[in-house]
PDB file of N, CA and C in Angstrom:
ATOM      1  N   MET A   1      98.810  80.765  80.199  1.00  0.00           N
ATOM      2  CA  MET A   1      97.572  81.220  79.587  1.00  0.00           C
ATOM      3  C   MET A   1      97.851  81.717  78.170  1.00  0.00           C
ATOM      4  N   SER A   2      97.779  80.826  77.216  1.00  0.00           N
ATOM      5  CA  SER A   2      98.056  81.239  75.860  1.00  0.00           C
ATOM      6  C   SER A   2      96.918  81.998  75.228  1.00  0.00           C
ATOM      7  N   ASP A   3      95.688  81.796  75.768  1.00  0.00           N
ATOM      8  CA  ASP A   3      94.505  82.445  75.225  1.00  0.00           C
ATOM      9  C   ASP A   3      94.258  83.820  75.899  1.00  0.00           C
ATOM     10  N   THR A   4      95.274  84.327  76.586  1.00  0.00           N
ATOM     11  CA  THR A   4      95.124  85.621  77.284  1.00  0.00           C
ATOM     12  C   THR A   4      94.893  86.726  76.292  1.00  0.00           C
ATOM     13  N   PRO A   5      93.818  87.492  76.435  1.00  0.00           N
ATOM     14  CA  PRO A   5      93.577  88.637  75.544  1.00  0.00           C
ATOM     15  C   PRO A   5      94.736  89.627  75.681  1.00  0.00           C
ATOM     16  N   SER A   6      95.127  90.195  74.570  1.00  0.00           N
ATOM     17  CA  SER A   6      96.213  91.162  74.636  1.00  0.00           C
ATOM     18  C   SER A   6      95.674  92.572  74.388  1.00  0.00           C
ATOM     19  N   ILE A   7      96.408  93.504  74.866  1.00  0.00           N
ATOM     20  CA  ILE A   7      96.071  94.921  74.690  1.00  0.00           C
ATOM     21  C   ILE A   7      97.336  95.614  74.208  1.00  0.00           C
ATOM     22  N   SER A   8      97.238  96.407  73.182  1.00  0.00           N
ATOM     23  CA  SER A   8      98.428  97.054  72.598  1.00  0.00           C
ATOM     24  C   SER A   8      98.737  98.390  73.242  1.00  0.00           C
ATOM     25  N   ARG A   9      99.889  98.905  72.913  1.00  0.00           N
ATOM     26  CA  ARG A   9     100.290 100.275  73.329  1.00  0.00           C
ATOM     27  C   ARG A   9      99.262 101.278  72.856  1.00  0.00           C
ATOM     28  N   ASP A  10      98.812 101.088  71.585  1.00  0.00           N
ATOM     29  CA  ASP A  10      97.855 102.034  71.008  1.00  0.00           C
ATOM     30  C   ASP A  10      96.523 101.971  71.758  1.00  0.00           C
ATOM     31  N   ASP A  11      96.123 100.760  72.165  1.00  0.00           N
ATOM     32  CA  ASP A  11      94.901 100.617  72.957  1.00  0.00           C
ATOM     33  C   ASP A  11      95.013 101.389  74.286  1.00  0.00           C
ATOM     34  N   VAL A  12      96.160 101.237  74.925  1.00  0.00           N
ATOM     35  CA  VAL A  12      96.359 101.900  76.198  1.00  0.00           C
ATOM     36  C   VAL A  12      96.369 103.400  76.032  1.00  0.00           C
ATOM     37  N   ALA A  13      97.030 103.857  74.963  1.00  0.00           N
ATOM     38  CA  ALA A  13      97.068 105.314  74.686  1.00  0.00           C
ATOM     39  C   ALA A  13      95.655 105.844  74.438  1.00  0.00           C
ATOM     40  N   HIS A  14      94.874 105.026  73.670  1.00  0.00           N
ATOM     41  CA  HIS A  14      93.481 105.442  73.375  1.00  0.00           C
ATOM     42  C   HIS A  14      92.660 105.516  74.651  1.00  0.00           C
ATOM     43  N   LEU A  15      92.765 104.465  75.482  1.00  0.00           N
ATOM     44  CA  LEU A  15      92.027 104.462  76.753  1.00  0.00           C
ATOM     45  C   LEU A  15      92.427 105.652  77.639  1.00  0.00           C
ATOM     46  N   ALA A  16      93.718 105.940  77.673  1.00  0.00           N
ATOM     47  CA  ALA A  16      94.211 107.081  78.467  1.00  0.00           C
ATOM     48  C   ALA A  16      93.654 108.389  77.952  1.00  0.00           C
ATOM     49  N   ARG A  17      93.570 108.549  76.656  1.00  0.00           N
ATOM     50  CA  ARG A  17      92.978 109.759  76.064  1.00  0.00           C
ATOM     51  C   ARG A  17      91.499 109.855  76.478  1.00  0.00           C
ATOM     52  N   LEU A  18      90.763 108.723  76.372  1.00  0.00           N
ATOM     53  CA  LEU A  18      89.358 108.752  76.732  1.00  0.00           C
ATOM     54  C   LEU A  18      89.134 109.111  78.180  1.00  0.00           C
ATOM     55  N   ALA A  19      90.036 108.610  79.048  1.00  0.00           N
ATOM     56  CA  ALA A  19      89.940 108.872  80.497  1.00  0.00           C
ATOM     57  C   ALA A  19      90.600 110.200  80.863  1.00  0.00           C
ATOM     58  N   ARG A  20      91.148 110.860  79.874  1.00  0.00           N
ATOM     59  CA  ARG A  20      91.858 112.162  80.090  1.00  0.00           C
ATOM     60  C   ARG A  20      92.982 111.991  81.071  1.00  0.00           C
ATOM     61  N   ILE A  21      93.739 110.948  80.895  1.00  0.00           N
ATOM     62  CA  ILE A  21      94.931 110.664  81.708  1.00  0.00           C
ATOM     63  C   ILE A  21      96.161 110.880  80.845  1.00  0.00           C
ATOM     64  N   ASP A  22      97.035 111.724  81.284  1.00  0.00           N
ATOM     65  CA  ASP A  22      98.279 111.988  80.555  1.00  0.00           C
ATOM     66  C   ASP A  22      99.333 110.963  80.925  1.00  0.00           C
ATOM     67  N   LEU A  23      99.487 109.941  80.089  1.00  0.00           N
ATOM     68  CA  LEU A  23     100.477 108.898  80.349  1.00  0.00           C
ATOM     69  C   LEU A  23     101.716 109.167  79.511  1.00  0.00           C
ATOM     70  N   PRO A  24     102.874 109.079  80.097  1.00  0.00           N
ATOM     71  CA  PRO A  24     104.119 109.213  79.319  1.00  0.00           C
ATOM     72  C   PRO A  24     104.260 108.017  78.383  1.00  0.00           C
ATOM     73  N   PRO A  25     104.765 108.202  77.186  1.00  0.00           N
ATOM     74  CA  PRO A  25     104.904 107.113  76.231  1.00  0.00           C
ATOM     75  C   PRO A  25     105.694 105.889  76.735  1.00  0.00           C
ATOM     76  N   GLU A  26     106.653 106.153  77.620  1.00  0.00           N
ATOM     77  CA  GLU A  26     107.476 105.036  78.128  1.00  0.00           C
ATOM     78  C   GLU A  26     106.684 104.136  79.080  1.00  0.00           C
ATOM     79  N   SER A  27     105.560 104.553  79.573  1.00  0.00           N
ATOM     80  CA  SER A  27     104.791 103.717  80.491  1.00  0.00           C
ATOM     81  C   SER A  27     103.707 102.909  79.800  1.00  0.00           C
ATOM     82  N   LEU A  28     103.491 103.110  78.506  1.00  0.00           N
ATOM     83  CA  LEU A  28     102.425 102.434  77.795  1.00  0.00           C
ATOM     84  C   LEU A  28     102.623 100.933  77.759  1.00  0.00           C
ATOM     85  N   ASP A  29     103.845 100.467  77.555  1.00  0.00           N
ATOM     86  CA  ASP A  29     104.077  98.996  77.560  1.00  0.00           C
ATOM     87  C   ASP A  29     103.762  98.389  78.930  1.00  0.00           C
ATOM     88  N   HIS A  30     104.170  99.087  79.967  1.00  0.00           N
ATOM     89  CA  HIS A  30     103.927  98.610  81.336  1.00  0.00           C
ATOM     90  C   HIS A  30     102.414  98.469  81.589  1.00  0.00           C
ATOM     91  N   TYR A  31     101.650  99.475  81.248  1.00  0.00           N
ATOM     92  CA  TYR A  31     100.211  99.403  81.481  1.00  0.00           C
ATOM     93  C   TYR A  31      99.538  98.399  80.551  1.00  0.00           C
ATOM     94  N   ALA A  32     100.054  98.257  79.339  1.00  0.00           N
ATOM     95  CA  ALA A  32      99.484  97.258  78.403  1.00  0.00           C
ATOM     96  C   ALA A  32      99.659  95.857  79.018  1.00  0.00           C
ATOM     97  N   GLU A  33     100.802  95.614  79.622  1.00  0.00           N
ATOM     98  CA  GLU A  33     101.027  94.304  80.245  1.00  0.00           C
ATOM     99  C   GLU A  33     100.074  94.088  81.431  1.00  0.00           C
ATOM    100  N   GLN A  34      99.937  95.123  82.260  1.00  0.00           N
ATOM    101  CA  GLN A  34      99.045  95.012  83.413  1.00  0.00           C
ATOM    102  C   GLN A  34      97.587  94.809  83.028  1.00  0.00           C
ATOM    103  N   LEU A  35      97.141  95.582  82.024  1.00  0.00           N
ATOM    104  CA  LEU A  35      95.769  95.443  81.561  1.00  0.00           C
ATOM    105  C   LEU A  35      95.554  94.080  80.907  1.00  0.00           C
ATOM    106  N   GLY A  36      96.558  93.543  80.252  1.00  0.00           N
ATOM    107  CA  GLY A  36      96.473  92.215  79.696  1.00  0.00           C
ATOM    108  C   GLY A  36      96.248  91.143  80.745  1.00  0.00           C
ATOM    109  N   VAL A  37      96.925  91.295  81.884  1.00  0.00           N
ATOM    110  CA  VAL A  37      96.750  90.368  83.000  1.00  0.00           C
ATOM    111  C   VAL A  37      95.331  90.458  83.538  1.00  0.00           C
ATOM    112  N   ILE A  38      94.816  91.686  83.667  1.00  0.00           N
ATOM    113  CA  ILE A  38      93.470  91.879  84.148  1.00  0.00           C
ATOM    114  C   ILE A  38      92.440  91.236  83.181  1.00  0.00           C
ATOM    115  N   LEU A  39      92.652  91.473  81.896  1.00  0.00           N
ATOM    116  CA  LEU A  39      91.738  90.896  80.934  1.00  0.00           C
ATOM    117  C   LEU A  39      91.799  89.363  80.936  1.00  0.00           C
ATOM    118  N   GLY A  40      92.981  88.819  81.171  1.00  0.00           N
ATOM    119  CA  GLY A  40      93.135  87.370  81.303  1.00  0.00           C
ATOM    120  C   GLY A  40      92.368  86.841  82.493  1.00  0.00           C
ATOM    121  N   ALA A  41      92.425  87.532  83.601  1.00  0.00           N
ATOM    122  CA  ALA A  41      91.696  87.077  84.811  1.00  0.00           C
ATOM    123  C   ALA A  41      90.199  87.122  84.572  1.00  0.00           C
ATOM    124  N   VAL A  42      89.699  88.174  83.902  1.00  0.00           N
ATOM    125  CA  VAL A  42      88.294  88.259  83.607  1.00  0.00           C
ATOM    126  C   VAL A  42      87.884  87.108  82.659  1.00  0.00           C
ATOM    127  N   ALA A  43      88.716  86.816  81.675  1.00  0.00           N
ATOM    128  CA  ALA A  43      88.411  85.711  80.770  1.00  0.00           C
ATOM    129  C   ALA A  43      88.379  84.388  81.505  1.00  0.00           C
ATOM    130  N   GLN A  44      89.267  84.223  82.447  1.00  0.00           N
ATOM    131  CA  GLN A  44      89.316  83.000  83.238  1.00  0.00           C
ATOM    132  C   GLN A  44      88.047  82.814  84.067  1.00  0.00           C
ATOM    133  N   VAL A  45      87.562  83.877  84.677  1.00  0.00           N
ATOM    134  CA  VAL A  45      86.327  83.849  85.445  1.00  0.00           C
ATOM    135  C   VAL A  45      85.142  83.570  84.526  1.00  0.00           C
ATOM    136  N   SER A  46      85.161  84.147  83.328  1.00  0.00           N
ATOM    137  CA  SER A  46      84.073  83.921  82.344  1.00  0.00           C
ATOM    138  C   SER A  46      83.984  82.460  81.955  1.00  0.00           C
ATOM    139  N   GLU A  47      85.083  81.779  81.885  1.00  0.00           N
ATOM    140  CA  GLU A  47      85.115  80.367  81.545  1.00  0.00           C
ATOM    141  C   GLU A  47      84.407  79.539  82.649  1.00  0.00           C
ATOM    142  N   VAL A  48      84.569  79.900  83.878  1.00  0.00           N
ATOM    143  CA  VAL A  48      84.027  79.138  85.004  1.00  0.00           C
ATOM    144  C   VAL A  48      82.519  79.431  85.165  1.00  0.00           C
ATOM    145  N   ALA A  49      82.101  80.643  84.920  1.00  0.00           N
ATOM    146  CA  ALA A  49      80.671  81.003  85.110  1.00  0.00           C
ATOM    147  C   ALA A  49      79.824  80.189  84.145  1.00  0.00           C
ATOM    148  N   ALA A  50      78.797  79.550  84.709  1.00  0.00           N
ATOM    149  CA  ALA A  50      77.914  78.716  83.924  1.00  0.00           C
ATOM    150  C   ALA A  50      76.509  79.313  83.957  1.00  0.00           C
ATOM    151  N   ALA A  51      75.734  78.999  82.965  1.00  0.00           N
ATOM    152  CA  ALA A  51      74.378  79.554  82.870  1.00  0.00           C
ATOM    153  C   ALA A  51      73.491  79.010  83.982  1.00  0.00           C
ATOM    154  N   ASP A  52      73.778  77.792  84.493  1.00  0.00           N
ATOM    155  CA  ASP A  52      72.951  77.191  85.517  1.00  0.00           C
ATOM    156  C   ASP A  52      73.294  77.672  86.922  1.00  0.00           C
ATOM    157  N   VAL A  53      74.310  78.545  87.087  1.00  0.00           N
ATOM    158  CA  VAL A  53      74.682  79.074  88.375  1.00  0.00           C
ATOM    159  C   VAL A  53      74.038  80.464  88.528  1.00  0.00           C
ATOM    160  N   PRO A  54      73.140  80.608  89.496  1.00  0.00           N
ATOM    161  CA  PRO A  54      72.494  81.921  89.657  1.00  0.00           C
ATOM    162  C   PRO A  54      73.465  83.005  90.180  1.00  0.00           C
ATOM    163  N   ALA A  55      73.261  84.206  89.786  1.00  0.00           N
ATOM    164  CA  ALA A  55      74.076  85.333  90.248  1.00  0.00           C
ATOM    165  C   ALA A  55      73.756  85.559  91.710  1.00  0.00           C
ATOM    166  N   THR A  56      74.789  85.868  92.484  1.00  0.00           N
ATOM    167  CA  THR A  56      74.591  86.118  93.923  1.00  0.00           C
ATOM    168  C   THR A  56      75.335  87.384  94.327  1.00  0.00           C
ATOM    169  N   SER A  57      74.846  88.009  95.362  1.00  0.00           N
ATOM    170  CA  SER A  57      75.527  89.179  95.880  1.00  0.00           C
ATOM    171  C   SER A  57      76.324  88.835  97.146  1.00  0.00           C
ATOM    172  N   HIS A  58      76.014  87.636  97.683  1.00  0.00           N
ATOM    173  CA  HIS A  58      76.707  87.193  98.917  1.00  0.00           C
ATOM    174  C   HIS A  58      76.770  85.689  98.906  1.00  0.00           C
ATOM    175  N   PRO A  59      77.905  85.111  99.318  1.00  0.00           N
ATOM    176  CA  PRO A  59      77.990  83.652  99.228  1.00  0.00           C
ATOM    177  C   PRO A  59      77.118  82.892 100.234  1.00  0.00           C
ATOM    178  N   MET A  60      76.739  83.525 101.315  1.00  0.00           N
ATOM    179  CA  MET A  60      75.864  82.901 102.325  1.00  0.00           C
ATOM    180  C   MET A  60      74.558  83.636 102.401  1.00  0.00           C
ATOM    181  N   PRO A  61      73.476  82.939 102.667  1.00  0.00           N
ATOM    182  CA  PRO A  61      72.181  83.635 102.782  1.00  0.00           C
ATOM    183  C   PRO A  61      72.208  84.574 103.998  1.00  0.00           C
ATOM    184  N   LEU A  62      71.707  85.752 103.830  1.00  0.00           N
ATOM    185  CA  LEU A  62      71.661  86.753 104.910  1.00  0.00           C
ATOM    186  C   LEU A  62      70.310  86.731 105.577  1.00  0.00           C
ATOM    187  N   VAL A  63      70.310  86.902 106.864  1.00  0.00           N
ATOM    188  CA  VAL A  63      69.062  86.999 107.633  1.00  0.00           C
ATOM    189  C   VAL A  63      69.067  88.268 108.440  1.00  0.00           C
ATOM    190  N   ASN A  64      67.891  88.765 108.749  1.00  0.00           N
ATOM    191  CA  ASN A  64      67.790  89.976 109.539  1.00  0.00           C
ATOM    192  C   ASN A  64      68.133  89.605 111.005  1.00  0.00           C
ATOM    193  N   VAL A  65      69.085  90.298 111.566  1.00  0.00           N
ATOM    194  CA  VAL A  65      69.505  89.994 112.939  1.00  0.00           C
ATOM    195  C   VAL A  65      68.920  90.961 113.959  1.00  0.00           C
ATOM    196  N   PHE A  66      68.017  91.824 113.511  1.00  0.00           N
ATOM    197  CA  PHE A  66      67.384  92.777 114.443  1.00  0.00           C
ATOM    198  C   PHE A  66      66.336  92.071 115.247  1.00  0.00           C
ATOM    199  N   ARG A  67      66.138  92.594 116.480  1.00  0.00           N
ATOM    200  CA  ARG A  67      65.086  92.026 117.303  1.00  0.00           C
ATOM    201  C   ARG A  67      63.720  92.550 116.865  1.00  0.00           C
ATOM    202  N   GLU A  68      62.684  91.899 117.302  1.00  0.00           N
ATOM    203  CA  GLU A  68      61.326  92.364 117.023  1.00  0.00           C
ATOM    204  C   GLU A  68      61.108  93.719 117.650  1.00  0.00           C
ATOM    205  N   ASP A  69      60.317  94.545 117.006  1.00  0.00           N
ATOM    206  CA  ASP A  69      60.003  95.859 117.545  1.00  0.00           C
ATOM    207  C   ASP A  69      58.772  95.696 118.481  1.00  0.00           C
ATOM    208  N   VAL A  70      59.071  95.594 119.777  1.00  0.00           N
ATOM    209  CA  VAL A  70      58.026  95.341 120.753  1.00  0.00           C
ATOM    210  C   VAL A  70      57.982  96.536 121.716  1.00  0.00           C
ATOM    211  N   VAL A  71      56.766  97.012 122.016  1.00  0.00           N
ATOM    212  CA  VAL A  71      56.616  98.092 122.969  1.00  0.00           C
ATOM    213  C   VAL A  71      56.898  97.523 124.375  1.00  0.00           C
ATOM    214  N   ARG A  72      57.782  98.212 125.091  1.00  0.00           N
ATOM    215  CA  ARG A  72      58.116  97.809 126.475  1.00  0.00           C
ATOM    216  C   ARG A  72      58.031  99.024 127.362  1.00  0.00           C
ATOM    217  N   PRO A  73      57.878  98.818 128.687  1.00  0.00           N
ATOM    218  CA  PRO A  73      57.832  99.929 129.594  1.00  0.00           C
ATOM    219  C   PRO A  73      59.121 100.781 129.487  1.00  0.00           C
ATOM    220  N   SER A  74      58.952 102.074 129.596  1.00  0.00           N
ATOM    221  CA  SER A  74      60.107 102.972 129.525  1.00  0.00           C
ATOM    222  C   SER A  74      59.854 104.165 130.472  1.00  0.00           C
ATOM    223  N   LEU A  75      60.727 105.109 130.429  1.00  0.00           N
ATOM    224  CA  LEU A  75      60.627 106.285 131.303  1.00  0.00           C
ATOM    225  C   LEU A  75      59.439 107.164 130.922  1.00  0.00           C
ATOM    226  N   THR A  76      58.862 107.742 131.887  1.00  0.00           N
ATOM    227  CA  THR A  76      57.802 108.728 131.632  1.00  0.00           C
ATOM    228  C   THR A  76      58.508 110.021 131.216  1.00  0.00           C
ATOM    229  N   ASN A  77      57.733 110.982 130.726  1.00  0.00           N
ATOM    230  CA  ASN A  77      58.293 112.264 130.347  1.00  0.00           C
ATOM    231  C   ASN A  77      58.932 112.931 131.566  1.00  0.00           C
ATOM    232  N   ALA A  78      58.297 112.936 132.695  1.00  0.00           N
ATOM    233  CA  ALA A  78      58.805 113.575 133.908  1.00  0.00           C
ATOM    234  C   ALA A  78      60.089 112.878 134.365  1.00  0.00           C
ATOM    235  N   GLU A  79      60.158 111.529 134.291  1.00  0.00           N
ATOM    236  CA  GLU A  79      61.358 110.776 134.696  1.00  0.00           C
ATOM    237  C   GLU A  79      62.536 111.123 133.778  1.00  0.00           C
ATOM    238  N   ALA A  80      62.248 111.212 132.492  1.00  0.00           N
ATOM    239  CA  ALA A  80      63.327 111.511 131.536  1.00  0.00           C
ATOM    240  C   ALA A  80      63.896 112.937 131.748  1.00  0.00           C
ATOM    241  N   LEU A  81      63.006 113.877 132.071  1.00  0.00           N
ATOM    242  CA  LEU A  81      63.459 115.263 132.247  1.00  0.00           C
ATOM    243  C   LEU A  81      63.990 115.528 133.657  1.00  0.00           C
ATOM    244  N   SER A  82      63.842 114.625 134.558  1.00  0.00           N
ATOM    245  CA  SER A  82      64.250 114.847 135.969  1.00  0.00           C
ATOM    246  C   SER A  82      65.755 115.102 136.093  1.00  0.00           C
ATOM    247  N   GLY A  83      66.569 114.547 135.253  1.00  0.00           N
ATOM    248  CA  GLY A  83      68.019 114.740 135.357  1.00  0.00           C
ATOM    249  C   GLY A  83      68.567 115.842 134.459  1.00  0.00           C
ATOM    250  N   ALA A  84      67.663 116.517 133.711  1.00  0.00           N
ATOM    251  CA  ALA A  84      68.127 117.544 132.768  1.00  0.00           C
ATOM    252  C   ALA A  84      68.551 118.816 133.527  1.00  0.00           C
ATOM    253  N   PRO A  85      69.632 119.473 133.060  1.00  0.00           N
ATOM    254  CA  PRO A  85      70.049 120.684 133.726  1.00  0.00           C
ATOM    255  C   PRO A  85      69.052 121.835 133.544  1.00  0.00           C
ATOM    256  N   SER A  86      68.329 121.806 132.408  1.00  0.00           N
ATOM    257  CA  SER A  86      67.361 122.861 132.147  1.00  0.00           C
ATOM    258  C   SER A  86      66.192 122.293 131.339  1.00  0.00           C
ATOM    259  N   VAL A  87      64.965 122.673 131.761  1.00  0.00           N
ATOM    260  CA  VAL A  87      63.753 122.178 131.093  1.00  0.00           C
ATOM    261  C   VAL A  87      62.914 123.354 130.725  1.00  0.00           C
ATOM    262  N   GLU A  88      62.239 123.321 129.552  1.00  0.00           N
ATOM    263  CA  GLU A  88      61.345 124.385 129.142  1.00  0.00           C
ATOM    264  C   GLU A  88      60.201 123.730 128.349  1.00  0.00           C
ATOM    265  N   ALA A  89      58.966 124.012 128.757  1.00  0.00           N
ATOM    266  CA  ALA A  89      57.757 123.474 128.099  1.00  0.00           C
ATOM    267  C   ALA A  89      57.812 121.960 127.938  1.00  0.00           C
ATOM    268  N   GLU A  90      58.191 121.286 129.033  1.00  0.00           N
ATOM    269  CA  GLU A  90      58.308 119.824 129.075  1.00  0.00           C
ATOM    270  C   GLU A  90      59.251 119.239 128.023  1.00  0.00           C
ATOM    271  N   ARG A  91      60.313 120.002 127.743  1.00  0.00           N
ATOM    272  CA  ARG A  91      61.361 119.554 126.811  1.00  0.00           C
ATOM    273  C   ARG A  91      62.713 119.902 127.377  1.00  0.00           C
ATOM    274  N   PHE A  92      63.761 119.192 126.887  1.00  0.00           N
ATOM    275  CA  PHE A  92      65.133 119.560 127.283  1.00  0.00           C
ATOM    276  C   PHE A  92      65.431 120.903 126.707  1.00  0.00           C
ATOM    277  N   ARG A  93      66.000 121.801 127.535  1.00  0.00           N
ATOM    278  CA  ARG A  93      66.395 123.121 127.044  1.00  0.00           C
ATOM    279  C   ARG A  93      67.905 123.080 126.823  1.00  0.00           C
ATOM    280  N   VAL A  94      68.331 123.437 125.624  1.00  0.00           N
ATOM    281  CA  VAL A  94      69.749 123.449 125.298  1.00  0.00           C
ATOM    282  C   VAL A  94      70.136 124.833 124.810  1.00  0.00           C
ATOM    283  N   PRO A  95      71.414 125.160 124.870  1.00  0.00           N
ATOM    284  CA  PRO A  95      71.865 126.486 124.383  1.00  0.00           C
ATOM    285  C   PRO A  95      71.646 126.600 122.890  1.00  0.00           C
ATOM    286  N   ARG A  96      71.287 127.780 122.423  1.00  0.00           N
ATOM    287  CA  ARG A  96      71.110 128.027 121.013  1.00  0.00           C
ATOM    288  C   ARG A  96      72.458 128.061 120.350  1.00  0.00           C
ATOM    289  N   ILE A  97      72.598 127.338 119.202  1.00  0.00           N
ATOM    290  CA  ILE A  97      73.861 127.325 118.509  1.00  0.00           C
ATOM    291  C   ILE A  97      73.744 127.987 117.123  1.00  0.00           C
ATOM    292  N   LEU A  98      72.519 128.167 116.635  1.00  0.00           N
ATOM    293  CA  LEU A  98      72.323 128.844 115.348  1.00  0.00           C
ATOM    294  C   LEU A  98      71.598 130.113 115.593  1.00  0.00           C
ATOM    295  N   ASP A  99      71.960 131.123 114.853  1.00  0.00           N
ATOM    296  CA  ASP A  99      71.307 132.436 114.976  1.00  0.00           C
ATOM    297  C   ASP A  99      70.071 132.417 114.066  1.00  0.00           C
ATOM    298  N   GLU A 100      68.947 132.309 114.648  1.00  0.00           N
ATOM    299  CA  GLU A 100      67.677 132.338 113.871  1.00  0.00           C
ATOM    300  C   GLU A 100      66.927 133.605 114.188  1.00  0.00           C
ATOM    301  N   GLU A 101      66.382 134.188 113.131  1.00  0.00           N
ATOM    302  CA  GLU A 101      65.604 135.437 113.325  1.00  0.00           C
ATOM    303  C   GLU A 101      64.184 135.222 112.965  1.00  0.00           C
TER     304      GLU A 101
END
């Protein structure tokens, strides 16, 4: 990749200052090389992207997999409360966990 964008030590130091990252001077070359590879990959993707290709968030069309919301027979209030250890005013009674005044 001869057209790979390059990033200098000074660019890395400047970016580190903007991001408030304290980089030791001996690591600037290493990060410059890594950021250059990243910039090259982005440039390569930009070459492939065409104006006639629509942007997508997912490669395959997504469909809703939920079932229809249909009313079906269920337990009555009395049936639901029949197995409760404690009932009060036609509701499940549970121990208080918060101190409310």
